[in-house]
Amino acid sequence: MNAEVFMRLAIEEARKSKTPFGAVIVKDNRIVECSHVQLLQSNLSKEQEAKLREDFGS
């Protein structure tokens, strides 16, 4: 396999998600892992979220 094949697999992974991010990890020309972004829903209140942003600077 070549880099183009691996890139196409990463794009296919990205299409499984609502966000355009996918990845294929390759070692010695073999696929080790394929994945895509999986968003988690937060159950934090707006106040808790604001406090975390303040504490961690994001």
C-alpha atoms as a PDB file:
ATOM      1  CA  MET A   1       0.000   0.000   0.000  1.00  0.00           C
ATOM      2  CA  ASN A   2       1.091   3.575  -0.526  1.00  0.00           C
ATOM      3  CA  ALA A   3       0.424   6.859   1.270  1.00  0.00           C
ATOM      4  CA  GLU A   4      -2.546   7.687  -0.978  1.00  0.00           C
ATOM      5  CA  VAL A   5      -4.351   4.503   0.053  1.00  0.00           C
ATOM      6  CA  PHE A   6      -3.794   5.269   3.728  1.00  0.00           C
ATOM      7  CA  MET A   7      -4.998   8.852   3.242  1.00  0.00           C
ATOM      8  CA  ARG A   8      -8.180   7.615   1.560  1.00  0.00           C
ATOM      9  CA  LEU A   9      -8.815   5.347   4.545  1.00  0.00           C
ATOM     10  CA  ALA A  10      -8.375   8.311   6.907  1.00  0.00           C
ATOM     11  CA  ILE A  11     -10.882  10.311   4.846  1.00  0.00           C
ATOM     12  CA  GLU A  12     -13.359   7.418   5.038  1.00  0.00           C
ATOM     13  CA  GLU A  13     -12.937   7.404   8.822  1.00  0.00           C
ATOM     14  CA  ALA A  14     -13.535  11.166   8.964  1.00  0.00           C
ATOM     15  CA  ARG A  15     -16.823  10.734   7.104  1.00  0.00           C
ATOM     16  CA  LYS A  16     -18.104   8.547   9.948  1.00  0.00           C
ATOM     17  CA  SER A  17     -18.103  11.582  12.245  1.00  0.00           C
ATOM     18  CA  LYS A  18     -19.851  14.948  12.307  1.00  0.00           C
ATOM     19  CA  THR A  19     -16.401  16.549  12.362  1.00  0.00           C
ATOM     20  CA  PRO A  20     -13.925  16.208   9.481  1.00  0.00           C
ATOM     21  CA  PHE A  21     -11.157  14.389  11.363  1.00  0.00           C
ATOM     22  CA  GLY A  22     -10.019  10.824  10.768  1.00  0.00           C
ATOM     23  CA  ALA A  23      -6.764   8.990  11.306  1.00  0.00           C
ATOM     24  CA  VAL A  24      -4.951   5.877  10.163  1.00  0.00           C
ATOM     25  CA  ILE A  25      -1.836   4.784  12.049  1.00  0.00           C
ATOM     26  CA  VAL A  26       0.580   2.798   9.903  1.00  0.00           C
ATOM     27  CA  LYS A  27       3.711   0.891  10.930  1.00  0.00           C
ATOM     28  CA  ASP A  28       5.891  -1.091   8.534  1.00  0.00           C
ATOM     29  CA  ASN A  29       3.325  -0.511   5.762  1.00  0.00           C
ATOM     30  CA  ARG A  30       0.566  -2.160   7.843  1.00  0.00           C
ATOM     31  CA  ILE A  31      -2.471  -0.474   9.361  1.00  0.00           C
ATOM     32  CA  VAL A  32      -2.244  -0.489  13.153  1.00  0.00           C
ATOM     33  CA  GLU A  33      -5.360   1.571  13.936  1.00  0.00           C
ATOM     34  CA  CYS A  34      -8.145   3.538  12.223  1.00  0.00           C
ATOM     35  CA  SER A  35     -10.322   6.024  14.052  1.00  0.00           C
ATOM     36  CA  HIS A  36     -12.431   9.182  13.847  1.00  0.00           C
ATOM     37  CA  VAL A  37     -13.389  11.934  16.263  1.00  0.00           C
ATOM     38  CA  GLN A  38     -16.155  11.014  18.649  1.00  0.00           C
ATOM     39  CA  LEU A  39     -17.657  13.970  20.458  1.00  0.00           C
ATOM     40  CA  LEU A  40     -18.856  13.500  24.003  1.00  0.00           C
ATOM     41  CA  GLN A  41     -21.778  15.431  25.382  1.00  0.00           C
ATOM     42  CA  SER A  42     -21.019  17.508  28.444  1.00  0.00           C
ATOM     43  CA  ASN A  43     -23.383  17.539  31.387  1.00  0.00           C
ATOM     44  CA  LEU A  44     -21.661  20.529  32.979  1.00  0.00           C
ATOM     45  CA  SER A  45     -23.678  23.606  33.827  1.00  0.00           C
ATOM     46  CA  LYS A  46     -22.670  26.861  32.149  1.00  0.00           C
ATOM     47  CA  GLU A  47     -21.208  27.998  35.475  1.00  0.00           C
ATOM     48  CA  GLN A  48     -19.105  24.833  35.828  1.00  0.00           C
ATOM     49  CA  GLU A  49     -17.890  25.158  32.254  1.00  0.00           C
ATOM     50  CA  ALA A  50     -16.981  28.836  32.792  1.00  0.00           C
ATOM     51  CA  LYS A  51     -15.061  27.918  35.965  1.00  0.00           C
ATOM     52  CA  LEU A  52     -13.064  25.244  34.102  1.00  0.00           C
ATOM     53  CA  ARG A  53     -12.272  27.683  31.304  1.00  0.00           C
ATOM     54  CA  GLU A  54     -11.135  30.246  33.868  1.00  0.00           C
ATOM     55  CA  ASP A  55      -9.000  27.704  35.742  1.00  0.00           C
ATOM     56  CA  PHE A  56      -7.381  26.192  32.657  1.00  0.00           C
ATOM     57  CA  GLY A  57      -7.261  29.208  30.356  1.00  0.00           C
ATOM     58  CA  SER A  58      -9.226  28.033  27.348  1.00  0.00           C
END
